[in-house]
């Protein structure tokens, strides 16, 4: 199966490519800038996929992801990329200074659209925010996220991230469903 992933984020593409390869799926990146609507991760992913399909003219996959901090009422949430660009990891750590509740989660909505049907799969990974950024691998908020049951941040243990991330969970579920659909149509 061949799929087009519409994203300008090379890190997201490479992470998703690894997941696709492990499932025997060929993935092609199509950078495409899409003005995002405001809404839930699923609503944003659906809108991106619909706009991308109109531009590309063939089935596409995309996602929307966010970093949700419990003590900040889910902030930055759906605005994670914007907030990262403005205040970065250090800004989140400043907001969390002296805060006892360090819970957070990464969420992802992976979406497929073929012009007639959407398939959207969520992925979530819970964890905590350490007192300081640690590690140099990964991207975005990875240096300040320690997944549950682990002691190192995603940026310290990128290999572990690739096994348990929100994106892994969402795209693995999406690819499994698409593979079933593909095999059903072929047989």
N, C-alpha and C. Protein backbone atom coordinates (compact mmCIF):
# COMPACT_ATOMS: atom_id res chain seq x y z
N UNK A 1 0.84 -1.17 0.00
CA UNK A 1 0.00 0.00 0.00
C UNK A 1 0.89 1.25 0.00
N UNK A 2 0.54 2.22 -0.81
CA UNK A 2 1.25 3.49 -0.90
C UNK A 2 0.34 4.60 -0.39
N UNK A 3 0.89 5.45 0.47
CA UNK A 3 0.11 6.56 1.01
C UNK A 3 0.90 7.86 0.91
N UNK A 4 0.18 8.96 0.79
CA UNK A 4 0.78 10.29 0.79
C UNK A 4 0.51 10.93 2.14
N UNK A 5 1.58 11.32 2.83
CA UNK A 5 1.43 12.04 4.09
C UNK A 5 1.65 13.52 3.81
N UNK A 6 0.67 14.30 4.14
CA UNK A 6 0.74 15.73 3.91
C UNK A 6 1.17 16.42 5.19
N UNK A 7 2.42 16.87 5.19
CA UNK A 7 2.97 17.61 6.32
C UNK A 7 4.24 18.34 5.88
N UNK A 8 4.43 19.51 6.43
CA UNK A 8 5.67 20.23 6.21
C UNK A 8 6.69 19.94 7.31
N UNK A 9 6.27 19.18 8.31
CA UNK A 9 7.12 18.88 9.46
C UNK A 9 7.90 17.60 9.20
N UNK A 10 9.17 17.75 8.89
CA UNK A 10 10.02 16.60 8.56
C UNK A 10 10.14 15.60 9.73
N UNK A 11 10.18 16.12 10.96
CA UNK A 11 10.27 15.24 12.13
C UNK A 11 9.04 14.33 12.22
N UNK A 12 7.85 14.91 12.03
CA UNK A 12 6.61 14.12 12.05
C UNK A 12 6.64 13.06 10.95
N UNK A 13 7.07 13.48 9.77
CA UNK A 13 7.11 12.53 8.66
C UNK A 13 8.04 11.36 8.96
N UNK A 14 9.25 11.65 9.44
CA UNK A 14 10.20 10.58 9.71
C UNK A 14 9.71 9.63 10.79
N UNK A 15 9.05 10.18 11.80
CA UNK A 15 8.50 9.33 12.86
C UNK A 15 7.40 8.43 12.28
N UNK A 16 6.53 9.00 11.46
CA UNK A 16 5.44 8.23 10.85
C UNK A 16 5.97 7.25 9.82
N UNK A 17 7.00 7.62 9.10
CA UNK A 17 7.63 6.74 8.11
C UNK A 17 8.12 5.45 8.77
N UNK A 18 8.73 5.58 9.93
CA UNK A 18 9.22 4.42 10.68
C UNK A 18 8.06 3.47 11.02
N UNK A 19 6.95 4.04 11.45
CA UNK A 19 5.77 3.25 11.79
C UNK A 19 5.23 2.55 10.53
N UNK A 20 5.12 3.30 9.45
CA UNK A 20 4.61 2.75 8.18
C UNK A 20 5.49 1.60 7.68
N UNK A 21 6.78 1.81 7.68
CA UNK A 21 7.71 0.77 7.22
C UNK A 21 7.56 -0.52 8.02
N UNK A 22 7.39 -0.37 9.33
CA UNK A 22 7.25 -1.56 10.18
C UNK A 22 5.99 -2.34 9.86
N UNK A 23 5.06 -1.70 9.14
CA UNK A 23 3.80 -2.35 8.79
C UNK A 23 3.70 -2.63 7.29
N UNK A 24 4.83 -2.45 6.57
CA UNK A 24 4.85 -2.75 5.15
C UNK A 24 4.14 -1.73 4.27
N UNK A 25 4.06 -0.49 4.74
CA UNK A 25 3.38 0.57 4.00
C UNK A 25 4.42 1.54 3.47
N UNK A 26 4.27 1.92 2.21
CA UNK A 26 5.17 2.90 1.60
C UNK A 26 4.56 4.28 1.78
N UNK A 27 5.35 5.19 2.32
CA UNK A 27 4.87 6.52 2.63
C UNK A 27 5.67 7.57 1.87
N UNK A 28 4.97 8.52 1.29
CA UNK A 28 5.58 9.61 0.54
C UNK A 28 5.18 10.92 1.23
N UNK A 29 6.15 11.81 1.43
CA UNK A 29 5.84 13.10 2.04
C UNK A 29 5.49 14.11 0.98
N UNK A 30 4.42 14.86 1.23
CA UNK A 30 4.02 15.96 0.37
C UNK A 30 3.91 17.19 1.27
N UNK A 31 4.93 18.04 1.28
CA UNK A 31 4.82 19.26 2.08
C UNK A 31 3.70 20.14 1.53
N UNK A 32 2.87 20.60 2.40
CA UNK A 32 1.71 21.38 1.98
C UNK A 32 1.30 22.25 3.15
N UNK A 33 1.34 23.54 2.99
CA UNK A 33 0.95 24.46 4.06
C UNK A 33 -0.56 24.64 4.05
N UNK A 34 -1.17 24.37 5.18
CA UNK A 34 -2.61 24.46 5.31
C UNK A 34 -2.92 25.38 6.48
N UNK A 35 -3.76 26.35 6.23
CA UNK A 35 -4.20 27.22 7.32
C UNK A 35 -5.17 26.40 8.17
N UNK A 36 -4.81 26.22 9.44
CA UNK A 36 -5.59 25.37 10.32
C UNK A 36 -6.82 26.07 10.88
N UNK A 37 -7.90 25.34 10.94
CA UNK A 37 -9.10 25.81 11.61
C UNK A 37 -8.88 25.68 13.12
N UNK A 38 -9.72 26.30 13.90
CA UNK A 38 -9.68 26.13 15.35
C UNK A 38 -10.68 25.04 15.70
N UNK A 39 -10.28 24.16 16.58
CA UNK A 39 -11.17 23.09 16.99
C UNK A 39 -10.39 22.03 17.75
N UNK A 40 -10.99 20.85 17.86
CA UNK A 40 -10.33 19.73 18.50
C UNK A 40 -9.25 19.18 17.56
N UNK A 41 -8.39 18.34 18.08
CA UNK A 41 -7.36 17.72 17.23
C UNK A 41 -8.02 16.98 16.07
N UNK A 42 -9.11 16.25 16.34
CA UNK A 42 -9.79 15.51 15.28
C UNK A 42 -10.37 16.44 14.22
N UNK A 43 -10.99 17.52 14.64
CA UNK A 43 -11.56 18.48 13.69
C UNK A 43 -10.47 19.11 12.82
N UNK A 44 -9.36 19.44 13.44
CA UNK A 44 -8.25 20.04 12.70
C UNK A 44 -7.67 19.04 11.71
N UNK A 45 -7.48 17.78 12.14
CA UNK A 45 -6.93 16.75 11.26
C UNK A 45 -7.86 16.49 10.08
N UNK A 46 -9.16 16.41 10.32
CA UNK A 46 -10.13 16.20 9.23
C UNK A 46 -10.09 17.34 8.22
N UNK A 47 -10.03 18.57 8.74
CA UNK A 47 -9.99 19.73 7.86
C UNK A 47 -8.72 19.73 7.01
N UNK A 48 -7.58 19.44 7.64
CA UNK A 48 -6.31 19.35 6.91
C UNK A 48 -6.40 18.31 5.80
N UNK A 49 -6.93 17.13 6.15
CA UNK A 49 -7.01 16.03 5.17
C UNK A 49 -7.90 16.40 4.00
N UNK A 50 -9.01 17.04 4.28
CA UNK A 50 -9.94 17.43 3.21
C UNK A 50 -9.29 18.45 2.27
N UNK A 51 -8.63 19.44 2.83
CA UNK A 51 -7.94 20.45 2.02
C UNK A 51 -6.79 19.83 1.24
N UNK A 52 -6.05 18.94 1.87
CA UNK A 52 -4.92 18.29 1.20
C UNK A 52 -5.40 17.40 0.06
N UNK A 53 -6.47 16.65 0.29
CA UNK A 53 -7.02 15.80 -0.77
C UNK A 53 -7.41 16.65 -1.98
N UNK A 54 -8.04 17.79 -1.74
CA UNK A 54 -8.45 18.68 -2.83
C UNK A 54 -7.25 19.15 -3.63
N UNK A 55 -6.12 19.39 -2.95
CA UNK A 55 -4.92 19.87 -3.63
C UNK A 55 -4.14 18.75 -4.31
N UNK A 56 -4.08 17.58 -3.68
CA UNK A 56 -3.26 16.47 -4.16
C UNK A 56 -4.03 15.58 -5.13
N UNK A 57 -5.32 15.43 -4.90
CA UNK A 57 -6.15 14.64 -5.80
C UNK A 57 -6.05 13.14 -5.61
N UNK A 58 -5.56 12.71 -4.46
CA UNK A 58 -5.49 11.28 -4.14
C UNK A 58 -5.57 11.10 -2.64
N UNK A 59 -5.83 9.88 -2.16
CA UNK A 59 -5.95 9.67 -0.72
C UNK A 59 -4.72 10.17 0.04
N UNK A 60 -5.00 10.76 1.20
CA UNK A 60 -3.94 11.36 2.00
C UNK A 60 -4.08 10.96 3.46
N UNK A 61 -2.98 11.07 4.18
CA UNK A 61 -2.99 10.96 5.63
C UNK A 61 -2.34 12.21 6.20
N UNK A 62 -2.75 12.57 7.39
CA UNK A 62 -2.15 13.68 8.10
C UNK A 62 -2.49 13.50 9.58
N UNK A 63 -2.02 14.41 10.39
CA UNK A 63 -2.39 14.36 11.81
C UNK A 63 -2.38 15.74 12.39
N UNK A 64 -2.94 15.81 13.58
CA UNK A 64 -2.76 16.98 14.41
C UNK A 64 -2.45 16.44 15.80
N UNK A 65 -1.51 17.08 16.44
CA UNK A 65 -1.05 16.62 17.74
C UNK A 65 -0.98 17.79 18.70
N UNK A 66 -0.98 17.47 19.99
CA UNK A 66 -0.87 18.52 20.99
C UNK A 66 -0.27 18.01 22.28
N UNK A 67 0.24 18.94 23.05
CA UNK A 67 0.82 18.68 24.37
C UNK A 67 -0.12 19.32 25.39
N UNK A 68 -0.70 18.51 26.26
CA UNK A 68 -1.73 18.95 27.19
C UNK A 68 -1.20 18.83 28.62
N UNK A 69 -1.09 19.96 29.31
CA UNK A 69 -0.54 20.00 30.67
C UNK A 69 -1.69 20.12 31.66
N UNK A 70 -1.79 19.16 32.56
CA UNK A 70 -2.90 19.10 33.52
C UNK A 70 -3.04 20.39 34.33
N UNK A 71 -1.97 20.85 34.94
CA UNK A 71 -2.01 22.01 35.83
C UNK A 71 -2.30 23.31 35.08
N UNK A 72 -2.16 23.28 33.77
CA UNK A 72 -2.44 24.47 32.95
C UNK A 72 -3.77 24.32 32.21
N UNK A 73 -4.64 23.47 32.75
CA UNK A 73 -5.97 23.23 32.15
C UNK A 73 -5.89 22.79 30.70
N UNK A 74 -4.88 21.97 30.39
CA UNK A 74 -4.74 21.44 29.04
C UNK A 74 -3.92 22.31 28.10
N UNK A 75 -3.51 23.48 28.54
CA UNK A 75 -2.66 24.36 27.73
C UNK A 75 -1.29 23.70 27.55
N UNK A 76 -0.64 23.77 26.42
CA UNK A 76 -1.01 24.51 25.22
C UNK A 76 -2.00 23.77 24.29
N UNK A 77 -2.22 22.47 24.50
CA UNK A 77 -3.24 21.74 23.75
C UNK A 77 -3.15 21.89 22.25
N UNK A 78 -4.27 22.28 21.64
CA UNK A 78 -4.34 22.41 20.19
C UNK A 78 -3.45 23.53 19.65
N UNK A 79 -2.95 24.37 20.54
CA UNK A 79 -2.08 25.49 20.14
C UNK A 79 -0.61 25.18 20.37
N UNK A 80 -0.27 23.91 20.52
CA UNK A 80 1.09 23.49 20.90
C UNK A 80 2.17 24.02 19.97
N UNK A 81 1.99 23.91 18.67
CA UNK A 81 3.03 24.38 17.74
C UNK A 81 3.21 25.89 17.85
N UNK A 82 2.11 26.63 17.92
CA UNK A 82 2.18 28.08 18.05
C UNK A 82 2.89 28.48 19.34
N UNK A 83 2.48 27.85 20.45
CA UNK A 83 3.07 28.16 21.75
C UNK A 83 4.55 27.79 21.78
N UNK A 84 4.88 26.65 21.19
CA UNK A 84 6.29 26.25 21.14
C UNK A 84 7.11 27.31 20.40
N UNK A 85 6.57 27.81 19.31
CA UNK A 85 7.27 28.84 18.55
C UNK A 85 7.43 30.15 19.31
N UNK A 86 6.53 30.41 20.23
CA UNK A 86 6.57 31.67 20.98
C UNK A 86 7.37 31.58 22.28
N UNK A 87 7.13 30.51 23.08
CA UNK A 87 7.80 30.44 24.38
C UNK A 87 8.67 29.20 24.57
N UNK A 88 8.50 28.20 23.69
CA UNK A 88 9.33 27.01 23.74
C UNK A 88 9.22 26.21 25.03
N UNK A 89 10.13 25.29 25.16
CA UNK A 89 10.20 24.42 26.33
C UNK A 89 10.47 25.24 27.59
N UNK A 90 11.36 26.22 27.48
CA UNK A 90 11.70 27.02 28.66
C UNK A 90 10.49 27.80 29.17
N UNK A 91 9.63 28.25 28.29
CA UNK A 91 8.43 28.96 28.70
C UNK A 91 7.46 28.07 29.46
N UNK A 92 7.30 26.83 29.00
CA UNK A 92 6.43 25.88 29.71
C UNK A 92 7.02 25.60 31.10
N UNK A 93 8.34 25.41 31.16
CA UNK A 93 8.97 25.16 32.46
C UNK A 93 8.79 26.34 33.40
N UNK A 94 8.83 27.57 32.89
CA UNK A 94 8.60 28.76 33.73
C UNK A 94 7.16 28.75 34.26
N UNK A 95 6.22 28.40 33.41
CA UNK A 95 4.82 28.33 33.84
C UNK A 95 4.61 27.26 34.91
N UNK A 96 5.44 26.22 34.87
CA UNK A 96 5.30 25.09 35.80
C UNK A 96 6.15 25.25 37.06
N UNK A 97 6.91 26.33 37.17
CA UNK A 97 7.79 26.52 38.33
C UNK A 97 6.96 26.54 39.61
N UNK A 98 7.32 25.63 40.54
CA UNK A 98 6.65 25.55 41.81
C UNK A 98 5.32 24.81 41.79
N UNK A 99 4.92 24.29 40.65
CA UNK A 99 3.65 23.57 40.52
C UNK A 99 3.87 22.10 40.87
N UNK A 100 3.06 21.59 41.80
CA UNK A 100 3.21 20.20 42.25
C UNK A 100 2.66 19.20 41.23
N UNK A 101 1.52 19.51 40.61
CA UNK A 101 0.90 18.61 39.63
C UNK A 101 1.68 18.70 38.33
N UNK A 102 2.48 17.67 38.04
CA UNK A 102 3.35 17.69 36.86
C UNK A 102 2.79 16.82 35.73
N UNK A 103 1.55 16.37 35.84
CA UNK A 103 0.95 15.49 34.83
C UNK A 103 0.74 16.18 33.50
N UNK A 104 0.93 15.40 32.44
CA UNK A 104 0.74 15.92 31.08
C UNK A 104 0.50 14.74 30.15
N UNK A 105 0.05 15.05 28.96
CA UNK A 105 -0.06 14.00 27.95
C UNK A 105 0.11 14.59 26.56
N UNK A 106 0.64 13.73 25.69
CA UNK A 106 0.66 14.02 24.27
C UNK A 106 -0.56 13.34 23.67
N UNK A 107 -1.24 14.04 22.76
CA UNK A 107 -2.37 13.46 22.04
C UNK A 107 -2.16 13.65 20.54
N UNK A 108 -2.67 12.70 19.79
CA UNK A 108 -2.58 12.76 18.33
C UNK A 108 -3.88 12.27 17.73
N UNK A 109 -4.30 12.91 16.66
CA UNK A 109 -5.42 12.42 15.85
C UNK A 109 -4.85 12.19 14.45
N UNK A 110 -4.70 10.91 14.08
CA UNK A 110 -4.20 10.53 12.75
C UNK A 110 -5.40 10.37 11.84
N UNK A 111 -5.32 10.93 10.64
CA UNK A 111 -6.48 10.96 9.75
C UNK A 111 -6.13 10.50 8.34
N UNK A 112 -7.04 9.73 7.76
CA UNK A 112 -6.99 9.30 6.36
C UNK A 112 -8.23 9.85 5.69
N UNK A 113 -8.07 10.33 4.44
CA UNK A 113 -9.23 10.79 3.67
C UNK A 113 -9.01 10.44 2.22
N UNK A 114 -10.03 9.83 1.62
CA UNK A 114 -9.93 9.42 0.22
C UNK A 114 -10.94 10.13 -0.68
N UNK A 115 -11.49 11.23 -0.20
CA UNK A 115 -12.48 11.97 -0.98
C UNK A 115 -13.90 11.57 -0.66
N UNK A 116 -14.07 10.45 0.01
CA UNK A 116 -15.41 9.99 0.35
C UNK A 116 -15.55 9.58 1.80
N UNK A 117 -14.45 9.16 2.39
CA UNK A 117 -14.54 8.68 3.76
C UNK A 117 -13.30 9.08 4.56
N UNK A 118 -13.59 9.42 5.80
CA UNK A 118 -12.54 9.72 6.76
C UNK A 118 -12.35 8.52 7.68
N UNK A 119 -11.10 8.28 8.06
CA UNK A 119 -10.79 7.35 9.15
C UNK A 119 -9.88 8.14 10.07
N UNK A 120 -10.31 8.29 11.32
CA UNK A 120 -9.52 9.04 12.30
C UNK A 120 -9.28 8.15 13.50
N UNK A 121 -8.03 8.09 13.92
CA UNK A 121 -7.65 7.28 15.08
C UNK A 121 -6.88 8.15 16.08
N UNK A 122 -7.26 8.06 17.36
CA UNK A 122 -6.55 8.83 18.38
C UNK A 122 -5.38 8.05 18.95
N UNK A 123 -4.45 8.77 19.51
CA UNK A 123 -3.34 8.18 20.24
C UNK A 123 -2.99 9.09 21.41
N UNK A 124 -2.79 8.50 22.58
CA UNK A 124 -2.48 9.27 23.78
C UNK A 124 -1.37 8.58 24.54
N UNK A 125 -0.47 9.37 25.10
CA UNK A 125 0.53 8.84 26.03
C UNK A 125 0.62 9.81 27.21
N UNK A 126 0.44 9.25 28.41
CA UNK A 126 0.49 10.04 29.66
C UNK A 126 1.91 10.07 30.18
N UNK A 127 2.18 11.10 30.97
CA UNK A 127 3.48 11.22 31.59
C UNK A 127 3.54 12.41 32.52
N UNK A 128 4.76 12.83 32.80
CA UNK A 128 4.99 13.96 33.70
C UNK A 128 6.04 14.90 33.11
N UNK A 129 6.05 16.09 33.66
CA UNK A 129 7.01 17.11 33.24
C UNK A 129 8.09 17.21 34.31
N UNK A 130 9.36 16.98 33.93
CA UNK A 130 10.44 17.12 34.92
C UNK A 130 10.69 18.60 35.24
N UNK A 131 11.53 18.84 36.23
CA UNK A 131 11.84 20.22 36.64
C UNK A 131 12.69 20.96 35.61
N UNK A 132 13.43 20.19 34.78
CA UNK A 132 14.29 20.82 33.77
C UNK A 132 14.27 20.00 32.49
N UNK A 133 14.59 20.65 31.39
CA UNK A 133 14.67 19.96 30.10
C UNK A 133 15.85 19.00 30.12
N UNK A 134 15.64 17.81 29.51
CA UNK A 134 16.71 16.81 29.47
C UNK A 134 16.70 16.11 28.12
N UNK A 135 17.89 15.95 27.55
CA UNK A 135 18.04 15.21 26.30
C UNK A 135 18.12 16.11 25.08
N UNK A 136 18.64 15.52 24.00
CA UNK A 136 18.83 16.31 22.78
C UNK A 136 18.21 15.68 21.54
N UNK A 137 17.57 14.52 21.70
CA UNK A 137 16.93 13.87 20.55
C UNK A 137 15.47 14.30 20.48
N UNK A 138 14.79 13.89 19.44
CA UNK A 138 13.38 14.22 19.32
C UNK A 138 13.18 15.66 18.89
N UNK A 139 12.00 16.17 19.15
CA UNK A 139 11.67 17.54 18.76
C UNK A 139 10.53 18.06 19.63
N UNK A 140 10.27 19.34 19.53
CA UNK A 140 9.16 19.93 20.27
C UNK A 140 9.34 19.80 21.77
N UNK A 141 8.31 19.29 22.42
CA UNK A 141 8.27 19.19 23.87
C UNK A 141 8.94 17.91 24.41
N UNK A 142 9.57 17.13 23.56
CA UNK A 142 10.20 15.88 23.99
C UNK A 142 11.16 16.03 25.18
N UNK A 143 11.94 17.13 25.29
CA UNK A 143 12.87 17.25 26.44
C UNK A 143 12.18 17.46 27.79
N UNK A 144 10.86 17.73 27.78
CA UNK A 144 10.17 17.94 29.05
C UNK A 144 9.00 16.96 29.23
N UNK A 145 9.13 15.77 28.67
CA UNK A 145 8.08 14.77 28.84
C UNK A 145 8.67 13.42 29.19
N UNK A 146 8.31 12.92 30.37
CA UNK A 146 8.71 11.60 30.83
C UNK A 146 7.46 10.71 30.79
N UNK A 147 7.41 9.72 29.91
CA UNK A 147 6.22 8.87 29.82
C UNK A 147 6.05 8.03 31.08
N UNK A 148 4.80 7.72 31.41
CA UNK A 148 4.51 6.89 32.59
C UNK A 148 5.31 5.59 32.55
N UNK A 149 5.82 5.21 33.71
CA UNK A 149 6.57 3.97 33.82
C UNK A 149 8.01 4.07 33.33
N UNK A 150 8.44 5.27 33.01
CA UNK A 150 9.79 5.47 32.49
C UNK A 150 10.44 6.59 33.29
N UNK A 151 11.77 6.66 33.28
CA UNK A 151 12.47 7.70 34.04
C UNK A 151 13.17 8.72 33.16
N UNK A 152 13.23 8.46 31.86
CA UNK A 152 13.93 9.36 30.94
C UNK A 152 12.92 10.06 30.03
N UNK A 153 13.28 11.27 29.61
CA UNK A 153 12.40 12.01 28.69
C UNK A 153 12.44 11.38 27.30
N UNK A 154 11.47 11.74 26.48
CA UNK A 154 11.48 11.29 25.09
C UNK A 154 12.76 11.75 24.39
N UNK A 155 13.27 12.92 24.74
CA UNK A 155 14.48 13.44 24.12
C UNK A 155 15.73 12.70 24.58
N UNK A 156 15.67 12.05 25.74
CA UNK A 156 16.79 11.24 26.22
C UNK A 156 16.74 9.82 25.67
N UNK A 157 15.55 9.34 25.38
CA UNK A 157 15.38 7.97 24.92
C UNK A 157 14.42 7.95 23.73
N UNK A 158 14.93 8.43 22.60
CA UNK A 158 14.10 8.54 21.39
C UNK A 158 13.63 7.17 20.90
N UNK A 159 14.44 6.15 21.11
CA UNK A 159 14.03 4.79 20.72
C UNK A 159 12.79 4.35 21.47
N UNK A 160 12.72 4.69 22.73
CA UNK A 160 11.54 4.36 23.52
C UNK A 160 10.33 5.15 23.02
N UNK A 161 10.57 6.42 22.70
CA UNK A 161 9.49 7.26 22.17
C UNK A 161 8.89 6.59 20.93
N UNK A 162 9.73 6.08 20.06
CA UNK A 162 9.25 5.46 18.82
C UNK A 162 8.37 4.25 19.09
N UNK A 163 8.49 3.66 20.27
CA UNK A 163 7.68 2.48 20.62
C UNK A 163 6.35 2.83 21.27
N UNK A 164 6.28 3.98 21.96
CA UNK A 164 5.10 4.27 22.78
C UNK A 164 4.43 5.61 22.51
N UNK A 165 4.92 6.40 21.58
CA UNK A 165 4.41 7.76 21.42
C UNK A 165 2.95 7.81 21.01
N UNK A 166 2.36 8.96 21.23
CA UNK A 166 0.99 9.24 20.81
C UNK A 166 0.84 9.06 19.30
N UNK A 167 1.85 9.49 18.56
CA UNK A 167 1.81 9.36 17.10
C UNK A 167 1.90 7.88 16.70
N UNK A 168 2.75 7.13 17.36
CA UNK A 168 2.86 5.69 17.11
C UNK A 168 1.51 5.03 17.32
N UNK A 169 0.88 5.32 18.44
CA UNK A 169 -0.40 4.68 18.76
C UNK A 169 -1.49 5.05 17.76
N UNK A 170 -1.55 6.32 17.39
CA UNK A 170 -2.58 6.77 16.45
C UNK A 170 -2.35 6.20 15.06
N UNK A 171 -1.12 6.33 14.54
CA UNK A 171 -0.87 5.86 13.17
C UNK A 171 -0.85 4.34 13.08
N UNK A 172 -0.43 3.66 14.10
CA UNK A 172 -0.47 2.20 14.06
C UNK A 172 -1.93 1.74 13.95
N UNK A 173 -2.81 2.33 14.74
CA UNK A 173 -4.23 1.98 14.66
C UNK A 173 -4.81 2.34 13.30
N UNK A 174 -4.41 3.51 12.77
CA UNK A 174 -4.90 3.92 11.44
C UNK A 174 -4.41 2.96 10.37
N UNK A 175 -3.12 2.65 10.37
CA UNK A 175 -2.56 1.76 9.35
C UNK A 175 -3.16 0.36 9.44
N UNK A 176 -3.42 -0.12 10.66
CA UNK A 176 -4.05 -1.43 10.81
C UNK A 176 -5.43 -1.44 10.17
N UNK A 177 -6.22 -0.40 10.42
CA UNK A 177 -7.55 -0.34 9.81
C UNK A 177 -7.48 -0.22 8.29
N UNK A 178 -6.56 0.60 7.80
CA UNK A 178 -6.42 0.76 6.35
C UNK A 178 -5.94 -0.53 5.69
N UNK A 179 -5.06 -1.25 6.37
CA UNK A 179 -4.58 -2.53 5.83
C UNK A 179 -5.73 -3.53 5.72
N UNK A 180 -6.58 -3.58 6.73
CA UNK A 180 -7.75 -4.47 6.67
C UNK A 180 -8.65 -4.08 5.50
N UNK A 181 -8.89 -2.79 5.34
CA UNK A 181 -9.73 -2.28 4.24
C UNK A 181 -9.12 -2.65 2.90
N UNK A 182 -7.80 -2.44 2.77
CA UNK A 182 -7.09 -2.72 1.52
C UNK A 182 -7.17 -4.22 1.18
N UNK A 183 -6.93 -5.07 2.16
CA UNK A 183 -6.95 -6.51 1.92
C UNK A 183 -8.35 -7.00 1.61
N UNK A 184 -9.34 -6.40 2.24
CA UNK A 184 -10.73 -6.77 1.98
C UNK A 184 -11.10 -6.43 0.53
N UNK A 185 -10.67 -5.23 0.08
CA UNK A 185 -10.97 -4.80 -1.30
C UNK A 185 -10.23 -5.64 -2.33
N UNK A 186 -9.01 -6.11 -1.96
CA UNK A 186 -8.21 -6.92 -2.89
C UNK A 186 -8.70 -8.36 -2.98
N UNK A 187 -9.32 -8.86 -1.90
CA UNK A 187 -9.71 -10.27 -1.85
C UNK A 187 -11.16 -10.41 -1.95
